[in-house]
């Protein structure tokens, strides 16, 4: 599987902070899930404020180590109106048995196809690291993104994602999340021109009949001039 990731990355990504999500390497065989998530930016600069991203995902745990999903996303550009964005096919591969080693490891591979064909398609390979105890969970994602197809222009780019989640009760947790886009791997942008956002998060699990629901509410602050001053992120996961 690692060799497949390397092959995919050798094609001709584009790193930004639009689809904000923390990915876990843990796969649950036989679980079917529906997920809705989104974010919006708040900034006095019209070029950065008012952006919206919305995603809908259907996922199924095929085996103990492989889950597959399809996604559809909508965006509202900072200076535009709502439009269909991309169709995605995602696959999560869990490399280690949960809790057996100090870290849980996995890789997530996503193909995104632009519906209007006015932007490039892209592949994302995401390496996932998770440390979990009874009281706290830490997750690190390293995302490598690469464009492909007739509209491809950018070279390989790198993003990072971090979450620290501290359990308050059996159903509630609090923590923080951080997202950053460093730019091209071969030549990172100056830090002031990179996007970095970080802020507090609250998580709560509840039930709707027989359906388990996990909610995320996150407020992120811009850490550089290139980042939006504020970003609100939300997420609902429904497990059947």
C-alpha atoms as a PDB file:
ATOM      1  CA  UNK A   1       0.000   0.000   0.000  1.00  0.00           C
ATOM      2  CA  UNK A   2       2.880   2.375   0.700  1.00  0.00           C
ATOM      3  CA  UNK A   3       4.195   1.730  -2.824  1.00  0.00           C
ATOM      4  CA  UNK A   4       0.776   2.681  -4.244  1.00  0.00           C
ATOM      5  CA  UNK A   5       0.898   5.968  -2.361  1.00  0.00           C
ATOM      6  CA  UNK A   6       4.339   6.740  -3.773  1.00  0.00           C
ATOM      7  CA  UNK A   7       3.181   5.982  -7.319  1.00  0.00           C
ATOM      8  CA  UNK A   8       0.169   8.276  -6.959  1.00  0.00           C
ATOM      9  CA  UNK A   9       2.313  11.100  -5.671  1.00  0.00           C
ATOM     10  CA  UNK A  10       4.700  10.874  -8.598  1.00  0.00           C
ATOM     11  CA  UNK A  11       2.005  12.109 -11.033  1.00  0.00           C
ATOM     12  CA  UNK A  12       1.679  15.926 -11.761  1.00  0.00           C
ATOM     13  CA  UNK A  13      -1.761  19.187  -5.683  1.00  0.00           C
ATOM     14  CA  UNK A  14      -2.795  22.060  -4.659  1.00  0.00           C
ATOM     15  CA  UNK A  15      -2.773  22.777  -0.946  1.00  0.00           C
ATOM     16  CA  UNK A  16      -5.307  25.068   0.611  1.00  0.00           C
ATOM     17  CA  UNK A  17      -7.412  25.090   3.753  1.00  0.00           C
ATOM     18  CA  UNK A  18     -10.878  24.569   2.287  1.00  0.00           C
ATOM     19  CA  UNK A  19     -11.886  21.030   3.297  1.00  0.00           C
ATOM     20  CA  UNK A  20     -11.044  21.149   6.994  1.00  0.00           C
ATOM     21  CA  UNK A  21     -11.275  17.704   8.583  1.00  0.00           C
ATOM     22  CA  UNK A  22      -9.201  15.534  10.916  1.00  0.00           C
ATOM     23  CA  UNK A  23      -8.799  11.975   9.614  1.00  0.00           C
ATOM     24  CA  UNK A  24      -8.406   8.929  11.854  1.00  0.00           C
ATOM     25  CA  UNK A  25      -6.659   5.666  10.861  1.00  0.00           C
ATOM     26  CA  UNK A  26      -9.239   3.554  12.722  1.00  0.00           C
ATOM     27  CA  UNK A  27     -11.580   1.427  10.558  1.00  0.00           C
ATOM     28  CA  UNK A  28     -14.746  -0.279  11.829  1.00  0.00           C
ATOM     29  CA  UNK A  29     -15.739  -3.292   9.723  1.00  0.00           C
ATOM     30  CA  UNK A  30     -19.389  -3.313   8.676  1.00  0.00           C
ATOM     31  CA  UNK A  31     -20.117   0.225   9.873  1.00  0.00           C
ATOM     32  CA  UNK A  32     -22.030   2.489   7.502  1.00  0.00           C
ATOM     33  CA  UNK A  33     -21.700   6.202   8.115  1.00  0.00           C
ATOM     34  CA  UNK A  34     -23.061   9.443   6.739  1.00  0.00           C
ATOM     35  CA  UNK A  35     -21.156  12.639   7.429  1.00  0.00           C
ATOM     36  CA  UNK A  36     -21.870  16.312   6.835  1.00  0.00           C
ATOM     37  CA  UNK A  37     -19.291  18.963   7.544  1.00  0.00           C
ATOM     38  CA  UNK A  38     -18.456  22.490   6.609  1.00  0.00           C
ATOM     39  CA  UNK A  39     -16.651  25.679   7.420  1.00  0.00           C
ATOM     40  CA  UNK A  40     -16.889  29.386   6.773  1.00  0.00           C
ATOM     41  CA  UNK A  41     -14.346  32.194   7.045  1.00  0.00           C
ATOM     42  CA  UNK A  42     -14.846  35.528   8.775  1.00  0.00           C
ATOM     43  CA  UNK A  43     -12.484  38.347   7.821  1.00  0.00           C
ATOM     44  CA  UNK A  44     -12.755  42.096   7.165  1.00  0.00           C
ATOM     45  CA  UNK A  45     -10.865  41.501   3.906  1.00  0.00           C
ATOM     46  CA  UNK A  46     -13.489  40.553   1.309  1.00  0.00           C
ATOM     47  CA  UNK A  47     -10.949  38.359  -0.483  1.00  0.00           C
ATOM     48  CA  UNK A  48     -10.690  36.068   2.565  1.00  0.00           C
ATOM     49  CA  UNK A  49     -14.002  36.462   4.377  1.00  0.00           C
ATOM     50  CA  UNK A  50     -17.288  34.824   3.414  1.00  0.00           C
ATOM     51  CA  UNK A  51     -15.852  31.630   1.918  1.00  0.00           C
ATOM     52  CA  UNK A  52     -17.964  28.525   2.629  1.00  0.00           C
ATOM     53  CA  UNK A  53     -17.249  24.827   2.150  1.00  0.00           C
ATOM     54  CA  UNK A  54     -19.821  22.014   2.535  1.00  0.00           C
ATOM     55  CA  UNK A  55     -19.190  18.280   2.172  1.00  0.00           C
ATOM     56  CA  UNK A  56     -21.373  15.160   2.256  1.00  0.00           C
ATOM     57  CA  UNK A  57     -19.783  11.734   2.680  1.00  0.00           C
ATOM     58  CA  UNK A  58     -21.043   8.142   2.646  1.00  0.00           C
ATOM     59  CA  UNK A  59     -18.586   5.599   4.110  1.00  0.00           C
ATOM     60  CA  UNK A  60     -18.583   1.834   4.598  1.00  0.00           C
ATOM     61  CA  UNK A  61     -16.119  -0.310   6.561  1.00  0.00           C
ATOM     62  CA  UNK A  62     -15.373  -3.060   4.040  1.00  0.00           C
ATOM     63  CA  UNK A  63     -12.889  -5.016   6.164  1.00  0.00           C
ATOM     64  CA  UNK A  64     -11.066  -4.671   9.491  1.00  0.00           C
ATOM     65  CA  UNK A  65      -8.428  -2.565   7.737  1.00  0.00           C
ATOM     66  CA  UNK A  66     -10.156  -0.895   4.748  1.00  0.00           C
ATOM     67  CA  UNK A  67     -12.998   1.623   4.550  1.00  0.00           C
ATOM     68  CA  UNK A  68     -14.204   3.264   1.344  1.00  0.00           C
ATOM     69  CA  UNK A  69     -16.348   6.340   0.826  1.00  0.00           C
ATOM     70  CA  UNK A  70     -17.685   8.777  -1.750  1.00  0.00           C
ATOM     71  CA  UNK A  71     -17.926  12.514  -1.184  1.00  0.00           C
ATOM     72  CA  UNK A  72     -19.588  15.479  -2.818  1.00  0.00           C
ATOM     73  CA  UNK A  73     -18.772  19.066  -1.956  1.00  0.00           C
ATOM     74  CA  UNK A  74     -20.213  22.523  -2.501  1.00  0.00           C
ATOM     75  CA  UNK A  75     -18.377  25.826  -2.150  1.00  0.00           C
ATOM     76  CA  UNK A  76     -19.218  29.492  -1.931  1.00  0.00           C
ATOM     77  CA  UNK A  77     -16.140  31.484  -3.021  1.00  0.00           C
ATOM     78  CA  UNK A  78     -15.421  34.651  -1.079  1.00  0.00           C
ATOM     79  CA  UNK A  79     -16.625  36.720  -4.042  1.00  0.00           C
ATOM     80  CA  UNK A  80     -19.112  34.290  -5.593  1.00  0.00           C
ATOM     81  CA  UNK A  81     -22.220  32.167  -5.179  1.00  0.00           C
ATOM     82  CA  UNK A  82     -22.877  28.533  -4.231  1.00  0.00           C
ATOM     83  CA  UNK A  83     -21.622  25.992  -6.761  1.00  0.00           C
ATOM     84  CA  UNK A  84     -20.897  22.284  -7.007  1.00  0.00           C
ATOM     85  CA  UNK A  85     -17.231  21.664  -6.337  1.00  0.00           C
ATOM     86  CA  UNK A  86     -15.876  18.118  -6.690  1.00  0.00           C
ATOM     87  CA  UNK A  87     -16.785  14.437  -6.530  1.00  0.00           C
ATOM     88  CA  UNK A  88     -14.376  12.394  -4.437  1.00  0.00           C
ATOM     89  CA  UNK A  89     -13.546   8.739  -3.885  1.00  0.00           C
ATOM     90  CA  UNK A  90     -11.731   8.060  -0.603  1.00  0.00           C
ATOM     91  CA  UNK A  91     -10.116   4.961   0.883  1.00  0.00           C
ATOM     92  CA  UNK A  92      -8.737   4.534   4.397  1.00  0.00           C
ATOM     93  CA  UNK A  93      -6.231   1.763   5.149  1.00  0.00           C
ATOM     94  CA  UNK A  94      -5.466   0.905   8.789  1.00  0.00           C
ATOM     95  CA  UNK A  95      -1.927  -0.445   9.170  1.00  0.00           C
ATOM     96  CA  UNK A  96      -1.871  -1.378  12.878  1.00  0.00           C
ATOM     97  CA  UNK A  97      -4.348  -2.986  15.254  1.00  0.00           C
ATOM     98  CA  UNK A  98      -5.970  -0.286  17.387  1.00  0.00           C
ATOM     99  CA  UNK A  99      -4.111   0.166  20.677  1.00  0.00           C
ATOM    100  CA  UNK A 100      -1.596  -2.622  20.060  1.00  0.00           C
ATOM    101  CA  UNK A 101       1.342  -0.258  19.596  1.00  0.00           C
ATOM    102  CA  UNK A 102       2.236   3.174  20.945  1.00  0.00           C
ATOM    103  CA  UNK A 103       0.855   4.718  17.755  1.00  0.00           C
ATOM    104  CA  UNK A 104      -2.025   3.724  15.491  1.00  0.00           C
ATOM    105  CA  UNK A 105      -0.953   4.145  11.867  1.00  0.00           C
ATOM    106  CA  UNK A 106      -2.789   4.382   8.565  1.00  0.00           C
ATOM    107  CA  UNK A 107      -2.964   6.013   5.158  1.00  0.00           C
ATOM    108  CA  UNK A 108      -5.859   7.732   3.438  1.00  0.00           C
ATOM    109  CA  UNK A 109      -5.979   8.106  -0.355  1.00  0.00           C
ATOM    110  CA  UNK A 110      -8.451  10.421  -2.050  1.00  0.00           C
ATOM    111  CA  UNK A 111      -9.168  11.154  -5.695  1.00  0.00           C
ATOM    112  CA  UNK A 112     -11.059  14.363  -6.450  1.00  0.00           C
ATOM    113  CA  UNK A 113     -12.668  15.109  -9.802  1.00  0.00           C
ATOM    114  CA  UNK A 114     -13.755  18.613 -10.769  1.00  0.00           C
ATOM    115  CA  UNK A 115     -17.250  18.505 -12.260  1.00  0.00           C
ATOM    116  CA  UNK A 116     -16.913  21.627 -14.409  1.00  0.00           C
ATOM    117  CA  UNK A 117     -13.474  20.654 -15.749  1.00  0.00           C
ATOM    118  CA  UNK A 118     -12.310  24.253 -15.308  1.00  0.00           C
ATOM    119  CA  UNK A 119      -9.924  23.221 -12.519  1.00  0.00           C
ATOM    120  CA  UNK A 120      -7.540  20.307 -12.160  1.00  0.00           C
ATOM    121  CA  UNK A 121      -8.388  16.950 -10.678  1.00  0.00           C
ATOM    122  CA  UNK A 122      -6.188  15.939  -7.791  1.00  0.00           C
ATOM    123  CA  UNK A 123      -4.964  13.091  -5.640  1.00  0.00           C
ATOM    124  CA  UNK A 124      -4.331  13.385  -1.914  1.00  0.00           C
ATOM    125  CA  UNK A 125      -2.278  10.924   0.090  1.00  0.00           C
ATOM    126  CA  UNK A 126      -2.663  11.434   3.815  1.00  0.00           C
ATOM    127  CA  UNK A 127      -0.451   9.688   6.371  1.00  0.00           C
ATOM    128  CA  UNK A 128      -2.249   9.354   9.720  1.00  0.00           C
ATOM    129  CA  UNK A 129      -0.747   8.974  13.197  1.00  0.00           C
ATOM    130  CA  UNK A 130      -2.901   8.504  16.316  1.00  0.00           C
ATOM    131  CA  UNK A 131      -2.011   8.229  20.010  1.00  0.00           C
ATOM    132  CA  UNK A 132      -4.969   7.351  22.236  1.00  0.00           C
ATOM    133  CA  UNK A 133      -5.313   6.801  25.991  1.00  0.00           C
ATOM    134  CA  UNK A 134      -8.293   6.746  28.332  1.00  0.00           C
ATOM    135  CA  UNK A 135      -8.070  10.505  28.849  1.00  0.00           C
ATOM    136  CA  UNK A 136      -6.707  12.028  25.655  1.00  0.00           C
ATOM    137  CA  UNK A 137      -6.395  11.448  21.916  1.00  0.00           C
ATOM    138  CA  UNK A 138      -3.793  13.061  19.639  1.00  0.00           C
ATOM    139  CA  UNK A 139      -3.993  12.799  15.841  1.00  0.00           C
ATOM    140  CA  UNK A 140      -1.527  14.045  13.236  1.00  0.00           C
ATOM    141  CA  UNK A 141      -2.233  14.020   9.491  1.00  0.00           C
ATOM    142  CA  UNK A 142       0.430  14.801   6.886  1.00  0.00           C
ATOM    143  CA  UNK A 143      -1.266  15.497   3.550  1.00  0.00           C
ATOM    144  CA  UNK A 144       0.527  15.367   0.222  1.00  0.00           C
ATOM    145  CA  UNK A 145      -1.535  16.798  -2.630  1.00  0.00           C
ATOM    146  CA  UNK A 146      -0.875  16.556  -6.344  1.00  0.00           C
ATOM    147  CA  UNK A 147      -2.818  17.807  -9.345  1.00  0.00           C
ATOM    148  CA  UNK A 148      -3.323  15.679 -12.427  1.00  0.00           C
ATOM    149  CA  UNK A 149      -5.172  15.929 -15.732  1.00  0.00           C
ATOM    150  CA  UNK A 150      -5.257  18.556 -18.473  1.00  0.00           C
ATOM    151  CA  UNK A 151      -5.622  21.475 -16.030  1.00  0.00           C
ATOM    152  CA  UNK A 152      -2.762  20.404 -13.741  1.00  0.00           C
ATOM    153  CA  UNK A 153      -0.309  23.170 -12.887  1.00  0.00           C
ATOM    154  CA  UNK A 154       0.914  22.859  -9.314  1.00  0.00           C
ATOM    155  CA  UNK A 155       3.676  20.637  -8.022  1.00  0.00           C
ATOM    156  CA  UNK A 156       3.482  18.421  -4.936  1.00  0.00           C
ATOM    157  CA  UNK A 157       2.265  20.376  -1.899  1.00  0.00           C
ATOM    158  CA  UNK A 158       2.108  19.646   1.821  1.00  0.00           C
ATOM    159  CA  UNK A 159      -0.489  20.274   4.523  1.00  0.00           C
ATOM    160  CA  UNK A 160      -0.584  19.256   8.176  1.00  0.00           C
ATOM    161  CA  UNK A 161      -3.531  18.658  10.507  1.00  0.00           C
ATOM    162  CA  UNK A 162      -3.373  18.253  14.287  1.00  0.00           C
ATOM    163  CA  UNK A 163      -5.970  17.449  16.933  1.00  0.00           C
ATOM    164  CA  UNK A 164      -5.659  17.072  20.700  1.00  0.00           C
ATOM    165  CA  UNK A 165      -8.900  15.886  22.283  1.00  0.00           C
ATOM    166  CA  UNK A 166      -9.369  15.651  26.058  1.00  0.00           C
ATOM    167  CA  UNK A 167     -12.301  13.667  27.439  1.00  0.00           C
ATOM    168  CA  UNK A 168     -14.554  15.486  29.912  1.00  0.00           C
ATOM    169  CA  UNK A 169     -17.290  12.874  30.290  1.00  0.00           C
ATOM    170  CA  UNK A 170     -18.206   9.678  28.472  1.00  0.00           C
ATOM    171  CA  UNK A 171     -19.926  11.726  25.759  1.00  0.00           C
ATOM    172  CA  UNK A 172     -18.184  15.116  25.851  1.00  0.00           C
ATOM    173  CA  UNK A 173     -14.645  16.201  25.042  1.00  0.00           C
ATOM    174  CA  UNK A 174     -12.763  19.435  24.444  1.00  0.00           C
ATOM    175  CA  UNK A 175      -9.437  20.259  22.837  1.00  0.00           C
ATOM    176  CA  UNK A 176      -7.934  22.126  19.926  1.00  0.00           C
ATOM    177  CA  UNK A 177      -7.274  21.660  16.227  1.00  0.00           C
ATOM    178  CA  UNK A 178      -4.662  23.146  13.898  1.00  0.00           C
ATOM    179  CA  UNK A 179      -4.427  23.225  10.111  1.00  0.00           C
ATOM    180  CA  UNK A 180      -1.633  24.485   7.905  1.00  0.00           C
ATOM    181  CA  UNK A 181      -0.665  24.636   4.228  1.00  0.00           C
ATOM    182  CA  UNK A 182       3.082  24.961   3.687  1.00  0.00           C
ATOM    183  CA  UNK A 183       3.092  25.144  -0.116  1.00  0.00           C
ATOM    184  CA  UNK A 184       5.279  23.278  -2.590  1.00  0.00           C
ATOM    185  CA  UNK A 185       7.468  20.595  -1.067  1.00  0.00           C
ATOM    186  CA  UNK A 186      10.399  21.548  -3.275  1.00  0.00           C
ATOM    187  CA  UNK A 187      10.190  25.211  -2.231  1.00  0.00           C
ATOM    188  CA  UNK A 188       8.054  26.087   0.796  1.00  0.00           C
ATOM    189  CA  UNK A 189       6.521  29.539   0.791  1.00  0.00           C
ATOM    190  CA  UNK A 190       7.690  32.105   3.373  1.00  0.00           C
ATOM    191  CA  UNK A 191       5.836  31.530   6.650  1.00  0.00           C
ATOM    192  CA  UNK A 192       3.936  34.819   6.390  1.00  0.00           C
ATOM    193  CA  UNK A 193       2.525  33.676   3.033  1.00  0.00           C
ATOM    194  CA  UNK A 194       1.463  30.261   4.339  1.00  0.00           C
ATOM    195  CA  UNK A 195      -1.973  29.512   5.798  1.00  0.00           C
ATOM    196  CA  UNK A 196      -1.974  28.421   9.452  1.00  0.00           C
ATOM    197  CA  UNK A 197      -5.083  28.352  11.649  1.00  0.00           C
ATOM    198  CA  UNK A 198      -5.648  26.965  15.144  1.00  0.00           C
ATOM    199  CA  UNK A 199      -8.301  27.116  17.818  1.00  0.00           C
ATOM    200  CA  UNK A 200     -10.491  25.468  20.474  1.00  0.00           C
ATOM    201  CA  UNK A 201     -12.823  22.567  19.756  1.00  0.00           C
ATOM    202  CA  UNK A 202     -15.763  20.912  21.491  1.00  0.00           C
ATOM    203  CA  UNK A 203     -17.048  17.394  20.748  1.00  0.00           C
ATOM    204  CA  UNK A 204     -20.254  15.767  21.888  1.00  0.00           C
ATOM    205  CA  UNK A 205     -21.765  12.329  21.203  1.00  0.00           C
ATOM    206  CA  UNK A 206     -25.493  11.667  21.345  1.00  0.00           C
ATOM    207  CA  UNK A 207     -28.111   9.300  19.944  1.00  0.00           C
ATOM    208  CA  UNK A 208     -31.049   9.736  17.583  1.00  0.00           C
ATOM    209  CA  UNK A 209     -32.991   6.534  18.052  1.00  0.00           C
ATOM    210  CA  UNK A 210     -30.580   3.759  17.054  1.00  0.00           C
ATOM    211  CA  UNK A 211     -28.251   6.160  15.267  1.00  0.00           C
ATOM    212  CA  UNK A 212     -25.067   7.311  17.002  1.00  0.00           C
ATOM    213  CA  UNK A 213     -24.121  10.915  16.265  1.00  0.00           C
ATOM    214  CA  UNK A 214     -20.798  12.653  16.889  1.00  0.00           C
ATOM    215  CA  UNK A 215     -20.712  16.442  16.677  1.00  0.00           C
ATOM    216  CA  UNK A 216     -17.730  18.774  16.280  1.00  0.00           C
ATOM    217  CA  UNK A 217     -17.691  22.542  16.810  1.00  0.00           C
ATOM    218  CA  UNK A 218     -14.377  24.312  16.199  1.00  0.00           C
ATOM    219  CA  UNK A 219     -13.388  28.000  16.117  1.00  0.00           C
ATOM    220  CA  UNK A 220     -10.047  28.637  14.422  1.00  0.00           C
ATOM    221  CA  UNK A 221      -7.930  31.782  14.511  1.00  0.00           C
ATOM    222  CA  UNK A 222      -5.587  32.855  11.721  1.00  0.00           C
ATOM    223  CA  UNK A 223      -1.919  32.800  12.702  1.00  0.00           C
ATOM    224  CA  UNK A 224      -0.476  34.457   9.574  1.00  0.00           C
ATOM    225  CA  UNK A 225      -1.386  37.329   7.289  1.00  0.00           C
ATOM    226  CA  UNK A 226      -2.354  34.892   4.536  1.00  0.00           C
ATOM    227  CA  UNK A 227      -4.935  33.184   6.786  1.00  0.00           C
ATOM    228  CA  UNK A 228      -8.504  34.264   7.419  1.00  0.00           C
ATOM    229  CA  UNK A 229      -8.840  35.970  10.801  1.00  0.00           C
ATOM    230  CA  UNK A 230     -11.510  33.492  11.936  1.00  0.00           C
ATOM    231  CA  UNK A 231     -12.845  30.190  10.626  1.00  0.00           C
ATOM    232  CA  UNK A 232     -15.808  28.311  12.066  1.00  0.00           C
ATOM    233  CA  UNK A 233     -15.806  24.543  11.448  1.00  0.00           C
ATOM    234  CA  UNK A 234     -18.630  22.088  12.162  1.00  0.00           C
ATOM    235  CA  UNK A 235     -19.136  18.374  11.595  1.00  0.00           C
ATOM    236  CA  UNK A 236     -21.817  15.745  12.210  1.00  0.00           C
ATOM    237  CA  UNK A 237     -21.104  12.011  11.873  1.00  0.00           C
ATOM    238  CA  UNK A 238     -24.026   9.563  11.776  1.00  0.00           C
ATOM    239  CA  UNK A 239     -23.194   5.871  12.358  1.00  0.00           C
ATOM    240  CA  UNK A 240     -25.734   3.191  11.460  1.00  0.00           C
END
